[in-house]
Amino acid sequence: MECDILVVGAGIMGLSTAYHLKKKDPSKNIVVIDKYAGPGQGNSAKSEGGFRNMFTSSTNYLLADTSIDAFFHMQEKMGYELKLEDIGYMWLFSEDQYKEIEPAIDHMREEGVELTVYNQEQLGEMIPALMTDFSDDEEIELLGLKNVDYGVFGKKCGSLDADALVRAYEAEYIKLGGKVQYNTEATKLHVQPEMELGIPGEPFVWQKKVITGVDTNKGEIKAETTVIACGVWASTLLDPVGLDSYMRPKKRQLFAFKDPKVEPIMRTTGLNKEGALPLTILPTAGILLKSELTEGSIWLGCADWIPRKFELEEDPQAEEDYYTNNIYHALVMYFPDFEDVRPMNSWAGQYAINSFDESPVIYKEEGLLYVGAGSGSGIMKGDALGRIASALYYGEEDAELYGGRKFRVADLGVHHRNIEPEKFVI
């Protein structure tokens, strides 16, 4: 098979990139391949489906804010049911944590992020099931847990159906004549000299090299440009040819609860029109909760760091004892209604983490374009990343993001990267 552009990966980054490439030039013969049987079956659909524009980095704010606008446009104007719920995002802090982050909060307001800061008393009224004060509690001291003294609430934040989002991009791409081939696994990148001499041993060090396509489990696919947008698996293709994915895989787990005992946790007042618990991050251990309104459940995750190892797993599974013997002990202190409640379901995926600046990477080499290192926020920045990758392919210095805002393409690259440090990282 031959094509103009081959996109490896049918998750949010791959399909958004394919769609924006095809939209800009419908004459391009573009093919998307994925080793799974359908779109987003790698890590995209295993996401907790949260979105937020609460970022201290101006870059991350712009990528997320415009993508969120694009998603609402897809739902409200294009007819895709993405289950967008703007229930908000509540980041809880102790007194010390808040003082440290306060300048960043001021900066976000200056950028245009809609936020409200609540004190401990207000939080107690809005989220009645939340324990905020652990004064003189020896057990809490032993666990190293922190009081909830402040909550920073982001309004333009909430929940979406990641699987529905990926399928929406696939549908729009196919409408334009784009091709998709599933159950097709890329196994090796082809590297050839730009000018072949027909001498055994090519390419030699003095020859200019170019990526010319991939080997797959269904045969060779030749392409003028190969787009690597396969998330945590990117390194398996890039490493053997000496290119860097600037990411490492780390497992993340989600647990779902549907029990009458935890229903009070989901009920809040004054935060959103649904009266539901927003996406909420506890002050300790990176524990995140989300009301999943479509099924009347609570989803729970934890962004653990040390000693969670970097490791690529083919089929990651949630560890039951990770909740019962680990997260539970901290969680039940903040939300006592979780006492003796066990998850009804659990699953695991993998973050493609860029641990240097926690931001995506987009760059090109001869015959290759790389889109990756989403670091857990690839879903919520997906539309912008597809537009930027498309602009890079077509040689544009600036990408036009949804709504008309501009983004300098080189800022997400390697050689002229310009990313501000991000302070709001779970």
Protein backbone atom coordinates (compact mmCIF):
# COMPACT_ATOMS: atom_id res chain seq x y z
CA MET A 1 0.00 0.00 0.00
CA GLU A 2 1.12 3.54 -0.71
CA CYS A 3 -0.25 6.86 0.54
CA ASP A 4 0.68 10.49 0.98
CA ILE A 5 0.37 10.47 4.76
CA LEU A 6 0.26 7.45 7.06
CA VAL A 7 -0.95 8.10 10.63
CA VAL A 8 0.02 5.43 13.16
CA GLY A 9 -2.46 5.55 16.03
CA ALA A 10 -6.25 6.00 16.10
CA GLY A 11 -6.53 7.68 19.48
CA ILE A 12 -7.40 11.32 20.04
CA MET A 13 -4.05 12.67 18.82
CA GLY A 14 -3.89 10.48 15.73
CA LEU A 15 -7.47 11.05 14.58
CA SER A 16 -7.48 14.77 15.37
CA THR A 17 -4.24 15.13 13.38
CA ALA A 18 -5.60 13.04 10.49
CA TYR A 19 -8.82 15.07 10.43
CA HIS A 20 -7.09 18.46 10.37
CA LEU A 21 -4.57 17.29 7.76
CA LYS A 22 -7.39 16.05 5.52
CA LYS A 23 -9.56 19.09 6.13
CA LYS A 24 -6.78 21.43 5.01
CA ASP A 25 -6.16 19.47 1.79
CA PRO A 26 -8.88 16.90 0.94
CA SER A 27 -6.83 15.72 -2.06
CA LYS A 28 -4.25 14.13 0.23
CA ASN A 29 -4.39 10.34 0.38
CA ILE A 30 -4.31 9.80 4.16
CA VAL A 31 -4.49 6.43 5.91
CA VAL A 32 -4.83 5.86 9.66
CA ILE A 33 -3.81 2.49 11.10
CA ASP A 34 -4.18 1.08 14.58
CA LYS A 35 -3.40 -2.30 16.09
CA TYR A 36 -6.75 -2.42 17.88
CA ALA A 37 -10.16 -3.19 16.37
CA GLY A 38 -11.54 0.35 16.65
CA PRO A 39 -10.75 3.97 17.48
CA GLY A 40 -9.41 4.98 20.89
CA GLN A 41 -9.08 1.45 22.22
CA GLY A 42 -5.53 2.03 23.43
CA ASN A 43 -5.44 4.65 26.17
CA SER A 44 -7.81 7.35 24.91
CA ALA A 45 -10.96 5.50 25.95
CA LYS A 46 -9.38 4.52 29.29
CA SER A 47 -9.14 8.17 30.28
CA GLU A 48 -11.22 9.49 33.16
CA GLY A 49 -12.57 11.98 30.62
CA GLY A 50 -11.89 15.14 32.58
CA PHE A 51 -11.26 18.48 30.93
CA ARG A 52 -10.01 21.77 32.35
CA ASN A 53 -8.50 25.02 31.24
CA MET A 54 -6.93 25.53 34.69
CA PHE A 55 -3.27 25.72 33.74
CA THR A 56 -0.59 28.14 34.90
CA SER A 57 1.33 27.72 31.65
CA SER A 58 -0.02 30.09 29.01
CA THR A 59 0.68 27.40 26.42
CA ASN A 60 -1.28 24.69 28.22
CA TYR A 61 -4.13 27.10 28.89
CA LEU A 62 -4.39 28.01 25.20
CA LEU A 63 -4.22 24.37 24.03
CA ALA A 64 -6.93 23.28 26.47
CA ASP A 65 -9.17 26.35 26.31
CA THR A 66 -9.50 26.28 22.52
CA SER A 67 -9.95 22.50 22.44
CA ILE A 68 -12.77 22.72 24.98
CA ASP A 69 -14.48 25.31 22.78
CA ALA A 70 -14.07 22.97 19.80
CA PHE A 71 -15.62 20.07 21.70
CA PHE A 72 -18.67 22.11 22.67
CA HIS A 73 -19.00 23.17 19.03
CA MET A 74 -18.94 19.50 17.96
CA GLN A 75 -21.71 18.69 20.42
CA GLU A 76 -23.91 21.76 20.04
CA LYS A 77 -23.47 22.55 16.34
CA MET A 78 -22.31 19.32 14.70
CA GLY A 79 -24.63 16.91 16.50
CA TYR A 80 -22.15 14.66 18.31
CA GLU A 81 -23.23 13.53 21.78
CA LEU A 82 -19.96 13.82 23.67
CA LYS A 83 -21.66 13.85 27.10
CA LEU A 84 -20.01 17.15 27.93
CA GLU A 85 -20.83 18.12 31.50
CA ASP A 86 -19.41 21.44 32.70
CA ILE A 87 -19.49 20.43 36.37
CA GLY A 88 -16.23 22.23 37.12
CA TYR A 89 -12.90 21.32 38.68
CA MET A 90 -12.16 21.75 42.39
CA TRP A 91 -8.54 21.72 43.51
CA LEU A 92 -8.27 21.44 47.31
CA PHE A 93 -5.32 22.85 49.24
CA SER A 94 -4.02 23.13 52.74
CA GLU A 95 -3.01 26.57 54.03
CA ASP A 96 0.67 26.03 53.16
CA GLN A 97 -0.11 24.61 49.74
CA TYR A 98 -2.39 27.52 48.92
CA LYS A 99 0.18 30.15 49.89
CA GLU A 100 2.70 28.47 47.61
CA ILE A 101 0.33 28.31 44.66
CA GLU A 102 -1.39 31.70 45.14
CA PRO A 103 0.81 33.62 42.65
CA ALA A 104 -0.01 31.00 40.02
CA ILE A 105 -3.71 31.44 40.73
CA ASP A 106 -3.38 35.18 40.20
CA HIS A 107 -1.58 34.49 36.92
CA MET A 108 -4.37 32.20 35.72
CA ARG A 109 -6.93 34.91 36.40
CA GLU A 110 -4.84 37.32 34.31
CA GLU A 111 -4.84 34.76 31.47
CA GLY A 112 -8.62 34.65 31.54
CA VAL A 113 -9.29 31.46 33.50
CA GLU A 114 -12.62 31.70 35.32
CA LEU A 115 -11.90 30.69 38.90
CA THR A 116 -13.32 31.11 42.35
CA VAL A 117 -11.44 30.54 45.62
CA TYR A 118 -13.46 29.13 48.53
CA ASN A 119 -12.41 28.97 52.18
CA GLN A 120 -12.85 26.04 54.54
CA GLU A 121 -16.22 27.17 55.86
CA GLN A 122 -17.65 27.65 52.37
CA LEU A 123 -16.36 24.25 51.25
CA GLY A 124 -18.05 22.61 54.21
CA GLU A 125 -21.38 24.10 53.13
CA MET A 126 -20.94 23.28 49.45
CA ILE A 127 -19.56 19.74 49.83
CA PRO A 128 -21.17 18.49 53.07
CA ALA A 129 -19.63 15.00 52.82
CA LEU A 130 -16.06 16.40 52.83
CA MET A 131 -14.02 16.44 56.04
CA THR A 132 -11.88 19.56 56.09
CA ASP A 133 -10.35 19.91 59.57
CA PHE A 134 -8.17 17.23 61.17
CA SER A 135 -6.83 19.26 64.09
CA ASP A 136 -5.38 17.19 66.95
CA ASP A 137 -6.05 13.88 65.17
CA GLU A 138 -3.06 11.59 65.79
CA GLU A 139 -4.06 9.11 63.10
CA ILE A 140 -4.19 11.87 60.51
CA GLU A 141 -0.75 13.05 61.60
CA LEU A 142 0.63 9.53 61.16
CA LEU A 143 -0.88 9.31 57.68
CA GLY A 144 0.60 12.69 56.76
CA LEU A 145 -2.74 14.06 55.56
CA LYS A 146 -3.38 17.79 55.24
CA ASN A 147 -6.35 19.94 56.18
CA VAL A 148 -8.61 21.30 53.47
CA ASP A 149 -8.31 25.04 53.96
CA TYR A 150 -9.02 26.31 50.44
CA GLY A 151 -10.63 25.16 47.24
CA VAL A 152 -9.82 26.63 43.83
CA PHE A 153 -12.78 26.03 41.52
CA GLY A 154 -12.51 26.24 37.75
CA LYS A 155 -15.76 26.89 35.89
CA LYS A 156 -14.86 25.98 32.29
CA CYS A 157 -14.02 22.44 33.31
CA GLY A 158 -15.81 19.14 33.61
CA SER A 159 -16.34 15.72 32.12
CA LEU A 160 -16.74 14.21 28.66
CA ASP A 161 -17.00 10.79 27.04
CA ALA A 162 -13.51 10.18 25.65
CA ASP A 163 -14.64 7.27 23.49
CA ALA A 164 -17.40 9.38 21.91
CA LEU A 165 -14.92 12.20 21.27
CA VAL A 166 -12.47 9.95 19.43
CA ARG A 167 -15.28 8.45 17.35
CA ALA A 168 -16.49 11.94 16.42
CA TYR A 169 -13.07 12.81 14.96
CA GLU A 170 -13.00 9.48 13.14
CA ALA A 171 -16.44 10.16 11.62
CA GLU A 172 -15.48 13.67 10.45
CA TYR A 173 -12.22 12.38 8.98
CA ILE A 174 -13.98 9.60 7.08
CA LYS A 175 -16.59 12.06 5.76
CA LEU A 176 -13.71 13.87 4.04
CA GLY A 177 -12.60 10.65 2.36
CA GLY A 178 -10.00 9.58 4.91
CA LYS A 179 -9.19 5.89 5.22
CA VAL A 180 -8.84 3.83 8.40
CA GLN A 181 -7.40 0.34 8.74
CA TYR A 182 -7.78 -1.40 12.11
CA ASN A 183 -6.16 -4.58 13.42
CA THR A 184 -3.02 -3.32 11.70
CA GLU A 185 0.06 -3.05 13.91
CA ALA A 186 3.08 -1.02 12.83
CA THR A 187 6.19 -3.01 13.73
CA LYS A 188 9.08 -1.11 12.18
CA LEU A 189 9.85 2.25 10.59
CA HIS A 190 11.56 2.18 7.21
CA VAL A 191 14.66 4.37 6.86
CA GLN A 192 16.13 4.85 3.40
CA PRO A 193 18.59 7.25 1.76
CA GLU A 194 16.91 10.17 0.04
CA MET A 195 18.91 9.29 -3.07
CA GLU A 196 19.39 5.55 -3.36
CA LEU A 197 22.58 4.31 -5.02
CA GLY A 198 21.73 0.63 -4.98
CA ILE A 199 24.82 -0.22 -2.91
CA PRO A 200 24.52 -2.89 -0.17
CA GLY A 201 24.61 -1.36 3.32
CA GLU A 202 22.63 1.80 2.55
CA PRO A 203 21.90 4.20 4.13
CA PHE A 204 25.48 5.20 4.91
CA VAL A 205 26.35 7.88 7.46
CA TRP A 206 27.06 10.40 4.74
CA GLN A 207 23.69 9.92 3.06
CA LYS A 208 20.61 11.98 3.87
CA LYS A 209 18.04 9.68 5.48
CA VAL A 210 14.27 9.75 5.18
CA ILE A 211 11.44 7.77 6.78
CA THR A 212 9.50 6.08 3.99
CA GLY A 213 6.76 4.18 5.82
CA VAL A 214 6.33 1.17 8.07
CA ASP A 215 6.22 -2.58 8.19
CA THR A 216 2.98 -3.92 9.65
CA ASN A 217 1.52 -7.31 10.51
CA LYS A 218 -0.36 -7.00 7.20
CA GLY A 219 2.53 -5.94 5.01
CA GLU A 220 4.49 -2.82 4.12
CA ILE A 221 2.88 0.61 3.85
CA LYS A 222 4.83 3.27 1.98
CA ALA A 223 4.18 6.94 2.73
CA GLU A 224 5.66 10.29 1.86
CA THR A 225 5.12 11.26 5.50
CA THR A 226 4.58 8.95 8.46
CA VAL A 227 2.86 10.44 11.50
CA ILE A 228 3.65 8.69 14.78
CA ALA A 229 0.75 9.42 17.14
CA CYS A 230 0.43 6.14 19.02
CA GLY A 231 0.97 7.39 22.57
CA VAL A 232 2.97 5.18 24.89
CA TRP A 233 3.91 2.85 22.03
CA ALA A 234 5.72 5.58 20.08
CA SER A 235 9.09 4.67 21.53
CA THR A 236 8.85 1.11 20.17
CA LEU A 237 8.96 2.61 16.67
CA LEU A 238 11.17 5.64 17.24
CA ASP A 239 13.86 4.15 19.50
CA PRO A 240 15.14 1.59 16.93
CA VAL A 241 15.82 4.38 14.40
CA GLY A 242 17.41 6.75 16.92
CA LEU A 243 14.54 9.23 17.29
CA ASP A 244 13.22 10.40 20.65
CA SER A 245 9.59 10.18 21.79
CA TYR A 246 10.28 12.44 24.80
CA MET A 247 7.92 10.38 26.91
CA ARG A 248 7.86 7.34 29.17
CA PRO A 249 4.83 5.21 30.01
CA LYS A 250 3.42 5.05 33.52
CA LYS A 251 0.31 3.15 34.59
CA ARG A 252 -2.70 4.99 35.93
CA GLN A 253 -5.74 3.26 37.43
CA LEU A 254 -9.41 4.16 37.77
CA PHE A 255 -12.00 2.72 40.14
CA ALA A 256 -15.77 3.16 39.77
CA PHE A 257 -18.20 3.17 42.71
CA LYS A 258 -21.98 2.87 42.63
CA ASP A 259 -23.23 2.36 46.16
CA PRO A 260 -26.00 4.12 48.12
CA LYS A 261 -23.45 4.84 50.85
CA VAL A 262 -21.46 7.20 48.60
CA GLU A 263 -24.41 9.00 47.03
CA PRO A 264 -24.14 11.88 49.58
CA ILE A 265 -20.61 12.55 48.28
CA MET A 266 -21.98 13.31 44.83
CA ARG A 267 -24.40 15.96 46.12
CA THR A 268 -23.16 19.55 46.34
CA THR A 269 -24.71 23.01 46.42
CA GLY A 270 -23.76 26.20 44.62
CA LEU A 271 -21.00 24.79 42.39
CA ASN A 272 -22.82 23.70 39.23
CA LYS A 273 -26.33 23.42 37.88
CA GLU A 274 -26.33 19.64 38.30
CA GLY A 275 -25.64 19.88 42.05
CA ALA A 276 -22.92 17.29 41.51
CA LEU A 277 -19.43 16.83 42.87
CA PRO A 278 -17.02 18.46 40.41
CA LEU A 279 -13.77 16.81 39.49
CA THR A 280 -12.09 17.11 42.87
CA ILE A 281 -8.43 16.73 43.78
CA LEU A 282 -7.57 16.11 47.42
CA PRO A 283 -4.63 17.91 49.07
CA THR A 284 -2.80 14.62 49.60
CA ALA A 285 -1.48 11.91 47.26
CA GLY A 286 -2.99 13.20 44.01
CA ILE A 287 -6.32 11.48 44.63
CA LEU A 288 -9.00 12.59 42.13
CA LEU A 289 -12.76 12.00 42.25
CA LYS A 290 -15.33 12.64 39.53
CA SER A 291 -19.11 12.36 39.42
CA GLU A 292 -19.98 10.27 36.37
CA LEU A 293 -23.47 11.63 35.82
CA THR A 294 -24.36 9.31 32.93
CA GLU A 295 -24.22 6.25 35.20
CA GLY A 296 -24.76 7.80 38.64
CA SER A 297 -21.37 6.70 39.91
CA ILE A 298 -18.11 8.13 41.25
CA TRP A 299 -14.84 7.54 39.45
CA LEU A 300 -11.64 7.63 41.47
CA GLY A 301 -8.02 7.86 40.37
CA CYS A 302 -4.63 8.59 41.86
CA ALA A 303 -1.65 10.26 40.21
CA ASP A 304 1.01 8.44 42.19
CA TRP A 305 4.62 9.16 41.28
CA ILE A 306 7.28 7.43 43.40
CA PRO A 307 7.60 4.39 43.44
CA ARG A 308 5.28 3.83 40.45
CA LYS A 309 7.74 2.64 37.80
CA PHE A 310 7.93 3.64 34.18
CA GLU A 311 6.96 0.55 32.22
CA LEU A 312 5.21 -0.23 28.95
CA GLU A 313 2.49 -2.82 29.54
CA GLU A 314 0.65 -4.46 26.69
CA ASP A 315 -2.57 -4.95 28.66
CA PRO A 316 -2.39 -3.06 31.97
CA GLN A 317 -4.77 -4.17 34.69
CA ALA A 318 -6.00 -2.35 37.78
CA GLU A 319 -4.63 -3.67 41.06
CA GLU A 320 -7.46 -4.30 43.53
CA ASP A 321 -5.20 -4.02 46.56
CA TYR A 322 -3.95 -0.65 45.28
CA TYR A 323 -7.32 0.75 46.31
CA THR A 324 -8.07 -1.36 49.38
CA ASN A 325 -4.59 -1.28 50.93
CA ASN A 326 -3.39 2.05 49.69
CA ILE A 327 -5.73 4.80 48.44
CA TYR A 328 -8.56 3.81 50.78
CA HIS A 329 -6.76 4.80 53.99
CA ALA A 330 -6.42 8.44 52.89
CA LEU A 331 -9.70 8.64 50.99
CA VAL A 332 -11.91 7.53 53.88
CA MET A 333 -10.50 10.28 56.08
CA TYR A 334 -11.60 13.00 53.66
CA PHE A 335 -14.86 11.26 52.72
CA PRO A 336 -16.00 8.98 55.59
CA ASP A 337 -18.93 7.74 53.47
CA PHE A 338 -16.43 5.57 51.61
CA GLU A 339 -15.98 3.38 54.70
CA ASP A 340 -16.22 -0.31 53.73
CA VAL A 341 -17.22 0.56 50.15
CA ARG A 342 -15.48 -1.36 47.39
CA PRO A 343 -15.34 -0.53 43.68
CA MET A 344 -17.84 -2.08 41.30
CA ASN A 345 -15.39 -1.80 38.41
CA SER A 346 -11.79 -0.87 37.73
CA TRP A 347 -9.45 -0.50 34.77
CA ALA A 348 -5.99 0.80 33.93
CA GLY A 349 -4.33 2.76 31.17
CA GLN A 350 -0.96 4.41 30.64
CA TYR A 351 0.11 8.04 30.59
CA ALA A 352 2.71 9.05 28.03
CA ILE A 353 4.60 11.29 30.42
CA ASN A 354 6.99 14.03 29.42
CA SER A 355 8.49 14.47 32.88
CA PHE A 356 10.58 17.48 31.84
CA ASP A 357 7.80 20.04 31.36
CA GLU A 358 4.56 17.97 31.39
CA SER A 359 3.53 19.26 27.96
CA PRO A 360 3.02 17.64 24.53
CA VAL A 361 5.75 17.39 21.91
CA ILE A 362 5.29 17.86 18.16
CA TYR A 363 8.25 17.77 15.78
CA LYS A 364 9.20 16.55 12.33
CA GLU A 365 12.13 14.87 10.64
CA GLU A 366 12.56 13.90 7.00
CA GLY A 367 9.47 11.90 6.15
CA LEU A 368 8.21 11.78 9.75
CA LEU A 369 6.00 13.83 12.05
CA TYR A 370 5.69 13.00 15.74
CA VAL A 371 2.72 13.98 17.94
CA GLY A 372 2.90 12.74 21.51
CA ALA A 373 3.90 13.04 25.15
CA GLY A 374 0.43 14.15 26.20
CA SER A 375 1.31 13.58 29.87
CA GLY A 376 -2.27 12.78 30.84
CA SER A 377 -3.87 15.82 29.22
CA GLY A 378 -3.91 14.72 25.59
CA ILE A 379 -7.69 14.35 25.51
CA MET A 380 -8.42 17.87 26.72
CA LYS A 381 -5.86 19.40 24.31
CA GLY A 382 -6.64 17.08 21.42
CA ASP A 383 -8.16 19.51 18.94
CA ALA A 384 -5.37 22.05 19.30
CA LEU A 385 -2.68 19.39 18.94
CA GLY A 386 -4.21 18.14 15.70
CA ARG A 387 -4.28 21.67 14.30
CA ILE A 388 -0.66 22.34 15.31
CA ALA A 389 0.55 19.06 13.80
CA SER A 390 -1.29 19.88 10.58
CA ALA A 391 0.25 23.36 10.46
CA LEU A 392 3.72 21.88 10.96
CA TYR A 393 3.19 19.44 8.09
CA TYR A 394 2.07 22.21 5.74
CA GLY A 395 5.03 24.43 6.68
CA GLU A 396 3.09 27.10 8.55
CA GLU A 397 4.79 29.05 11.33
CA ASP A 398 1.52 29.61 13.21
CA ALA A 399 -1.43 27.31 13.68
CA GLU A 400 -4.92 28.75 13.84
CA LEU A 401 -6.67 27.14 16.78
CA TYR A 402 -10.43 26.90 17.19
CA GLY A 403 -11.93 30.37 17.55
CA GLY A 404 -9.13 32.06 15.61
CA ARG A 405 -6.41 32.26 18.26
CA LYS A 406 -2.88 31.69 16.95
CA PHE A 407 -0.15 29.37 18.22
CA ARG A 408 3.52 29.35 17.24
CA VAL A 409 4.13 25.83 15.96
CA ALA A 410 7.79 25.69 17.01
CA ASP A 411 6.84 26.21 20.67
CA LEU A 412 5.89 22.53 20.99
CA GLY A 413 8.93 21.37 19.08
CA VAL A 414 12.38 20.42 20.31
CA HIS A 415 14.93 22.87 18.93
CA HIS A 416 13.00 26.09 19.62
CA ARG A 417 10.72 24.85 22.37
CA ASN A 418 9.08 27.56 24.42
CA ILE A 419 6.94 26.14 27.23
CA GLU A 420 6.31 27.83 30.57
CA PRO A 421 6.65 25.69 33.73
CA GLU A 422 3.31 24.19 34.76
CA LYS A 423 2.38 24.50 38.43
CA PHE A 424 -1.05 22.82 38.33
CA VAL A 425 0.01 19.20 37.89
CA ILE A 426 -1.79 16.43 39.72
